[in-house]
Structure formats: structure tokens, C-alpha cells
Amino acid sequence: MNSIQAMAADMECQRGLKLPPLSLPEPSQSEPLGSRMAFAGSGDSYAAALAAHYLSSGRATCHRPADIIDAGPLLAGGRVLYIVSISGRTKANALAAKAAQTAGMQTVAVTADESSPLARRCSRIIRLDYPASGTRTSGTVSFTASLVACAWLATGGRPGLSSAAEIGRIYDDAAAKAAAGKPGAAPAIILGDAHLYPAAIYGALKLNEVLGARAVAYPLEEFFHAPLFGVKGSDRILVLGNSQAAKKLKGAGLGAQSIACPGKTALESLLYAVFFLQHLVLGLAERRGLTDCRFVSDKKLLRLSSDFIY
């Protein structure tokens, strides 16, 4: 099985993803949910950690590991720090855990590997358990598992998802929408505000590592301050959940389209965006006849990436 086939197989595993069976303390009556929590992560895991911030209405904070290393006590002092990492091997995450513990903070590893350096460094472990193909590929089911776990933690087990079956329904709806679109060119810019911004980040990362495409994500409002002026006429812009912004961009002669991200709750809408973007990237890879993700096939860049991260 090549890495593109493995990506497709892992994506299908999301239909049966279980809600995380986490044991959480009862929230204090005197403080809002999420107010004693900070989240951190790198790459895909940063997007999952950032989702916790938005889904808790900003009460849970989110940081990059370098920020915790540099000023942990100031950023997350008095909070429990949840460090999200599928592999648990990212150096920056382990260093962030060390800095946080030195500052007297409680640390929790949210990871799939209980024997990883991060897990050994943290005082508590939440193990991510999900089905997967076992072949190295771009993160899909692993990301969704970490996303739902972060949402679960930040909302005290009430993330706005009625049952595990809802994940399968949202997945099928998003897959059908992506299939109907028959994408041609990859978007160079993905825009999303509030809870959809983590999905925009995730989508840009998948375009980078699967297709080797140049892609960036911006919060919608921030994009109009300055990045707009760097857009070229050939750039495709994908707007998550805001058709009016896409219309304004198209009216200015730019190649923009919007994708509605329906959902009864913010988490359902976010999952829809994530699943749509996964299928968008996979569809582009298949239409180009790719057999491997760029990060797998480009050994030189993979070595550079691994040497820096691990």
C-alpha cells in the first residue's frame, strides 16, 4: 500500500471513530469550563490545540511549544498544560513540558505513544486510540482523534457532538460535497474565522505535505488587512463558511470560492471542514496520478524536516 492509498484508507477509518473515553473531573461551580486549561502542539497538533481554544469560547488558551519554553509561567501559569503530539517525539514539545514542570505546572501528554519522550516527561498521559492502516502517510484519522479529544477536554465532555455516529454522518456529507466539486487547481490560500481557522491551517498543511503545493491559511478578517495585497491573479482562494467574502473577492477579479460548513454546533461545522479538505487534497492527488505524499517521496526534505523536528 503506497502512502496515497494509506491516506484514503485512514480517512475511511474516521467513520467509526469513537468519542474519547476520558475521565475528567467535574468542573468547578465557580469557574467556567476550560478556564484552568492550556493547550500546545506543533503542526497538525497545533491546529487541534487551537480548536480547543475556540470551542471553549476562548477560556482555554493555546500556545506553540516555543512560547511555553520562552515564557511558560507568564503564558499558562496556574493552568494544566495539555501537550498534543501523535508521535510524542517532537523535541519542542518535550522541552515545553520540561519548562512547564520547572514552573510548577501540571502537564498532560495527549499522544498515541505512551512510551514516547513526551509521555515520559509529562505527569499524566491521555492515550489517543484510533484505527489506522499502519502505513506512513499524511495524518487524517490521527488528527481527527486529537481534535475531538481536545474538544472533549476543553468543554468538560460536552463538545457539541451527540454521538460517535454523528462523526460518520458528517464525514459522508463532506465526502459527497467534495466529490461533487471535482477540484482542478489546488487553493493557494485558505481562509476561515473563529472555529474554522484551525481547519484552514490543517488544510494548508495537507496541501503542503501531500501535494508539495504552496498554501497558507489566514483568519478571514486578518487576510483583508495585508495578505490580500500579495495575492496574484492565478492564486485560488478557498473561503470556509463565508460566501459573502468569496463574492467580494470574486468581484475584485480574484479566483475565490466558498464552501459552506454546516453543523448544529461549532465542532460539527469544524469536522465538516476538516473532512471536506481531506477529500479535496486526496482528490487532487489522485487526479495527478500521485502514488506517494510529497513528504514521503522527497527523501532529502524529509531528512531535513526530521533532523529539525526530532
Protein backbone atom coordinates (compact mmCIF):
# COMPACT_ATOMS: atom_id res chain seq x y z
CA MET A 1 0.00 0.00 0.00
CA ASN A 2 1.50 3.35 -1.00
CA SER A 3 1.08 6.49 1.09
CA ILE A 4 -1.78 7.92 -1.01
CA GLN A 5 -3.70 4.65 -0.70
CA ALA A 6 -2.94 4.63 3.03
CA MET A 7 -4.29 8.16 3.32
CA ALA A 8 -7.55 7.09 1.70
CA ALA A 9 -7.77 4.04 3.99
CA ASP A 10 -7.09 6.11 7.10
CA MET A 11 -9.72 8.65 6.08
CA GLU A 12 -12.32 5.89 5.87
CA CYS A 13 -11.44 4.85 9.43
CA GLN A 14 -12.90 8.15 10.63
CA ARG A 15 -16.43 6.86 10.08
CA GLY A 16 -16.02 4.52 13.06
CA LEU A 17 -14.02 6.84 15.30
CA LYS A 18 -15.16 6.61 18.89
CA LEU A 19 -15.64 9.55 21.17
CA PRO A 20 -12.65 9.59 23.56
CA PRO A 21 -13.39 7.75 26.84
CA LEU A 22 -11.66 10.35 29.01
CA SER A 23 -12.09 10.56 32.77
CA LEU A 24 -12.50 14.25 33.52
CA PRO A 25 -13.06 15.88 36.91
CA GLU A 26 -16.35 17.60 37.49
CA PRO A 27 -16.00 21.29 36.56
CA SER A 28 -15.84 23.75 39.43
CA GLN A 29 -19.06 25.64 40.07
CA SER A 30 -17.08 28.86 40.45
CA GLU A 31 -15.10 28.83 37.20
CA PRO A 32 -16.07 28.35 33.53
CA LEU A 33 -15.19 25.19 31.64
CA GLY A 34 -11.73 25.35 30.12
CA SER A 35 -10.55 28.20 32.34
CA ARG A 36 -7.85 26.08 34.00
CA MET A 37 -6.52 24.60 30.76
CA ALA A 38 -3.79 25.48 28.28
CA PHE A 39 -3.06 23.53 25.09
CA ALA A 40 0.06 23.32 22.96
CA GLY A 41 1.18 21.41 19.88
CA SER A 42 3.12 21.60 16.61
CA GLY A 43 1.96 21.14 13.01
CA ASP A 44 -1.38 19.32 12.79
CA SER A 45 -1.43 19.10 16.58
CA TYR A 46 -1.28 22.89 16.89
CA ALA A 47 -4.47 23.09 14.80
CA ALA A 48 -6.15 20.58 17.15
CA ALA A 49 -4.95 22.53 20.19
CA LEU A 50 -6.19 25.80 18.69
CA ALA A 51 -9.62 24.22 18.17
CA ALA A 52 -9.81 23.69 21.94
CA HIS A 53 -9.33 27.43 22.41
CA TYR A 54 -12.18 28.34 20.08
CA LEU A 55 -14.56 25.60 21.21
CA SER A 56 -14.14 26.71 24.83
CA SER A 57 -15.08 30.27 23.77
CA GLY A 58 -11.51 31.37 24.43
CA ARG A 59 -11.35 30.22 28.06
CA ALA A 60 -8.77 27.52 27.29
CA THR A 61 -5.59 29.08 25.94
CA CYS A 62 -3.44 27.74 23.10
CA HIS A 63 0.30 28.18 22.59
CA ARG A 64 3.12 26.97 20.41
CA PRO A 65 5.78 24.94 22.26
CA ALA A 66 8.42 27.64 21.69
CA ASP A 67 6.22 30.14 23.54
CA ILE A 68 5.93 27.83 26.54
CA ILE A 69 9.70 27.28 26.53
CA ASP A 70 10.33 31.02 26.37
CA ALA A 71 7.71 32.30 28.80
CA GLY A 72 5.68 29.38 30.11
CA PRO A 73 4.87 30.75 33.58
CA LEU A 74 3.57 34.00 32.09
CA LEU A 75 1.55 32.37 29.31
CA ALA A 76 -0.01 29.41 31.05
CA GLY A 77 0.72 29.92 34.73
CA GLY A 78 -1.74 28.19 37.05
CA ARG A 79 -3.24 26.11 34.27
CA VAL A 80 -2.94 22.43 33.43
CA LEU A 81 -0.93 22.20 30.20
CA TYR A 82 -2.12 19.63 27.64
CA ILE A 83 0.58 18.98 25.05
CA VAL A 84 -0.79 17.35 21.89
CA SER A 85 1.51 15.14 19.80
CA ILE A 86 0.58 11.96 17.94
CA SER A 87 4.13 10.57 17.95
CA GLY A 88 5.25 12.23 21.16
CA ARG A 89 8.72 12.60 19.66
CA THR A 90 8.82 16.30 18.74
CA LYS A 91 11.73 17.90 20.61
CA ALA A 92 9.98 21.21 21.16
CA ASN A 93 7.04 19.51 22.88
CA ALA A 94 9.30 17.66 25.34
CA LEU A 95 11.18 20.89 26.06
CA ALA A 96 7.88 22.71 26.61
CA ALA A 97 6.81 20.02 29.09
CA LYS A 98 10.12 20.41 30.94
CA ALA A 99 9.78 24.20 31.08
CA ALA A 100 6.20 23.95 32.30
CA GLN A 101 7.08 21.47 35.04
CA THR A 102 10.00 23.64 36.14
CA ALA A 103 7.48 26.46 36.53
CA GLY A 104 5.33 24.20 38.71
CA MET A 105 2.62 23.47 36.14
CA GLN A 106 0.83 20.15 35.72
CA THR A 107 1.50 18.59 32.31
CA VAL A 108 -0.56 16.07 30.34
CA ALA A 109 0.58 14.32 27.15
CA VAL A 110 -2.20 13.77 24.60
CA THR A 111 -0.48 11.19 22.41
CA ALA A 112 -0.78 7.84 20.64
CA ASP A 113 2.53 6.59 22.08
CA GLU A 114 2.61 6.03 25.84
CA SER A 115 6.35 5.25 25.73
CA SER A 116 7.33 8.40 23.79
CA PRO A 117 9.70 11.08 25.16
CA LEU A 118 6.77 13.43 25.67
CA ALA A 119 4.77 10.81 27.58
CA ARG A 120 7.75 10.08 29.82
CA ARG A 121 8.23 13.77 30.50
CA CYS A 122 4.60 14.55 31.44
CA SER A 123 2.94 13.75 34.75
CA ARG A 124 -0.15 12.27 33.08
CA ILE A 125 -0.98 10.64 29.75
CA ILE A 126 -4.16 10.63 27.67
CA ARG A 127 -3.71 7.96 25.02
CA LEU A 128 -5.27 8.51 21.63
CA ASP A 129 -6.69 5.23 20.38
CA TYR A 130 -7.89 5.05 16.77
CA PRO A 131 -7.89 2.57 13.87
CA ALA A 132 -5.37 3.18 11.09
CA SER A 133 -3.79 1.49 8.07
CA GLY A 134 -0.35 1.23 9.67
CA THR A 135 1.39 2.71 6.61
CA ARG A 136 3.22 6.02 6.89
CA THR A 137 1.04 8.73 5.42
CA SER A 138 -0.38 12.20 5.98
CA GLY A 139 -2.34 12.50 9.21
CA THR A 140 -6.12 12.21 8.88
CA VAL A 141 -7.77 9.89 11.42
CA SER A 142 -4.96 10.68 13.87
CA PHE A 143 -5.70 14.40 13.53
CA THR A 144 -9.43 13.92 13.97
CA ALA A 145 -8.84 11.81 17.08
CA SER A 146 -6.67 14.52 18.61
CA LEU A 147 -9.14 17.24 17.56
CA VAL A 148 -12.10 15.51 19.21
CA ALA A 149 -10.02 14.74 22.31
CA CYS A 150 -9.04 18.41 22.66
CA ALA A 151 -12.64 19.49 22.17
CA TRP A 152 -13.77 16.94 24.75
CA LEU A 153 -11.24 18.15 27.31
CA ALA A 154 -11.84 21.86 26.79
CA THR A 155 -15.63 21.52 27.14
CA GLY A 156 -15.75 19.08 30.05
CA GLY A 157 -17.02 16.23 27.88
CA ARG A 158 -19.67 18.36 26.16
CA PRO A 159 -18.05 19.30 22.84
CA GLY A 160 -21.27 19.58 20.84
CA LEU A 161 -21.24 16.13 19.28
CA SER A 162 -24.23 13.99 20.18
CA SER A 163 -22.70 10.58 19.38
CA ALA A 164 -19.91 8.81 17.55
CA ALA A 165 -22.41 8.12 14.77
CA GLU A 166 -22.53 11.86 14.08
CA ILE A 167 -18.88 11.75 13.00
CA GLY A 168 -19.74 9.18 10.33
CA ARG A 169 -22.69 11.22 9.07
CA ILE A 170 -20.64 14.42 8.86
CA TYR A 171 -17.85 12.53 7.10
CA ASP A 172 -20.21 11.14 4.46
CA ASP A 173 -21.81 14.55 3.84
CA ALA A 174 -18.44 16.27 3.43
CA ALA A 175 -17.10 13.50 1.19
CA ALA A 176 -20.13 13.79 -1.10
CA LYS A 177 -19.71 17.57 -1.34
CA ALA A 178 -16.00 17.26 -2.18
CA ALA A 179 -16.67 14.58 -4.81
CA ALA A 180 -19.28 16.78 -6.49
CA GLY A 181 -16.77 19.63 -6.79
CA LYS A 182 -14.19 17.82 -8.97
CA PRO A 183 -11.30 20.13 -7.97
CA GLY A 184 -8.80 21.23 -10.59
CA ALA A 185 -6.13 23.53 -9.17
CA ALA A 186 -5.13 23.45 -5.51
CA PRO A 187 -6.04 26.51 -3.44
CA ALA A 188 -3.05 28.65 -2.51
CA ILE A 189 -4.88 30.40 0.33
CA ILE A 190 -7.47 29.03 2.77
CA LEU A 191 -9.48 31.44 4.91
CA GLY A 192 -11.58 30.72 7.97
CA ASP A 193 -12.66 32.71 11.00
CA ALA A 194 -13.04 31.59 14.62
CA HIS A 195 -13.55 27.80 14.94
CA LEU A 196 -12.96 27.33 11.19
CA TYR A 197 -9.48 28.84 11.32
CA PRO A 198 -7.93 25.61 12.73
CA ALA A 199 -9.43 23.78 9.73
CA ALA A 200 -7.86 26.33 7.38
CA ILE A 201 -4.45 25.71 9.00
CA TYR A 202 -4.93 21.95 8.71
CA GLY A 203 -5.97 22.18 5.06
CA ALA A 204 -2.92 24.25 4.13
CA LEU A 205 -0.63 21.75 5.88
CA LYS A 206 -2.17 18.85 3.93
CA LEU A 207 -1.68 20.69 0.64
CA ASN A 208 1.98 21.23 1.60
CA GLU A 209 2.86 17.72 2.67
CA VAL A 210 0.69 15.67 0.30
CA LEU A 211 0.90 17.66 -2.94
CA GLY A 212 4.02 19.71 -2.32
CA ALA A 213 1.86 22.76 -3.08
CA ARG A 214 2.46 26.23 -1.70
CA ALA A 215 -0.51 27.02 0.54
CA VAL A 216 -1.13 29.26 3.53
CA ALA A 217 -4.01 29.86 5.94
CA TYR A 218 -5.27 33.13 7.40
CA PRO A 219 -8.08 34.21 9.68
CA LEU A 220 -10.61 35.79 7.33
CA GLU A 221 -10.55 39.29 8.78
CA GLU A 222 -6.74 39.32 9.11
CA PHE A 223 -6.38 38.42 5.44
CA PHE A 224 -8.03 41.67 4.36
CA HIS A 225 -5.57 43.80 6.37
CA ALA A 226 -2.43 43.00 4.37
CA PRO A 227 -2.12 39.49 2.83
CA LEU A 228 -4.77 40.46 0.28
CA PHE A 229 -2.25 42.77 -1.38
CA GLY A 230 0.14 39.87 -2.01
CA VAL A 231 -2.41 37.80 -3.92
CA LYS A 232 -1.72 37.06 -7.58
CA GLY A 233 -4.42 36.64 -10.17
CA SER A 234 -3.55 32.97 -10.58
CA ASP A 235 -3.96 32.20 -6.86
CA ARG A 236 -7.03 30.20 -5.88
CA ILE A 237 -8.64 31.24 -2.61
CA LEU A 238 -10.89 28.89 -0.63
CA VAL A 239 -13.14 30.53 1.96
CA LEU A 240 -14.59 28.31 4.67
CA GLY A 241 -18.12 29.18 5.71
CA ASN A 242 -18.42 32.76 4.37
CA SER A 243 -19.99 33.09 0.94
CA GLN A 244 -20.16 36.90 1.12
CA ALA A 245 -16.39 37.22 1.49
CA ALA A 246 -15.89 34.92 -1.51
CA LYS A 247 -18.30 37.03 -3.58
CA LYS A 248 -16.37 40.20 -2.73
CA LEU A 249 -13.09 38.55 -3.72
CA LYS A 250 -14.56 37.30 -6.97
CA GLY A 251 -15.95 40.78 -7.64
CA ALA A 252 -12.38 42.07 -7.39
CA GLY A 253 -11.33 39.62 -10.12
CA LEU A 254 -9.75 37.04 -7.82
CA GLY A 255 -10.24 33.28 -8.07
CA ALA A 256 -12.25 32.61 -4.92
CA GLN A 257 -14.86 30.09 -3.91
CA SER A 258 -16.67 29.42 -0.65
CA ILE A 259 -17.51 26.14 1.00
CA ALA A 260 -20.45 26.07 3.38
CA CYS A 261 -19.53 24.20 6.56
CA PRO A 262 -22.90 23.18 8.03
CA GLY A 263 -23.36 21.87 11.54
CA LYS A 264 -25.65 22.23 14.52
CA THR A 265 -22.62 23.06 16.67
CA ALA A 266 -19.19 24.63 16.14
CA LEU A 267 -17.49 21.23 16.42
CA GLU A 268 -19.77 19.67 13.78
CA SER A 269 -19.02 22.58 11.43
CA LEU A 270 -15.29 22.24 12.11
CA LEU A 271 -15.33 18.49 11.44
CA TYR A 272 -17.21 19.05 8.20
CA ALA A 273 -14.50 21.49 7.06
CA VAL A 274 -11.73 19.06 8.03
CA PHE A 275 -13.33 16.13 6.19
CA PHE A 276 -14.02 18.26 3.12
CA LEU A 277 -10.41 19.42 2.98
CA GLN A 278 -9.11 15.88 3.36
CA HIS A 279 -11.17 14.74 0.38
CA LEU A 280 -10.20 17.83 -1.60
CA VAL A 281 -6.49 17.05 -1.14
CA LEU A 282 -6.92 13.33 -1.78
CA GLY A 283 -8.93 14.05 -4.96
CA LEU A 284 -6.21 16.36 -6.25
CA ALA A 285 -3.53 13.74 -5.51
CA GLU A 286 -5.46 11.02 -7.34
CA ARG A 287 -6.17 13.24 -10.36
CA ARG A 288 -2.46 13.99 -10.61
CA GLY A 289 -1.65 10.28 -10.51
CA LEU A 290 0.43 10.57 -7.33
CA THR A 291 1.32 7.36 -5.53
CA ASP A 292 3.09 8.93 -2.56
CA CYS A 293 2.74 12.05 -0.48
CA ARG A 294 5.43 14.66 -1.16
CA PHE A 295 6.84 14.34 2.35
CA VAL A 296 7.34 10.61 1.75
CA SER A 297 8.78 10.81 -1.77
CA ASP A 298 11.18 13.72 -1.18
CA LYS A 299 13.77 11.97 0.99
CA LYS A 300 16.10 14.98 1.15
CA LEU A 301 13.45 17.33 2.52
CA LEU A 302 12.14 14.60 4.82
CA ARG A 303 15.60 14.22 6.37
CA LEU A 304 15.83 17.98 6.83
CA SER A 305 12.38 18.09 8.43
CA SER A 306 13.09 15.16 10.74
CA ASP A 307 16.51 16.48 11.79
CA PHE A 308 14.97 19.79 12.83
CA ILE A 309 11.81 18.45 14.49
CA TYR A 310 13.06 15.30 16.21
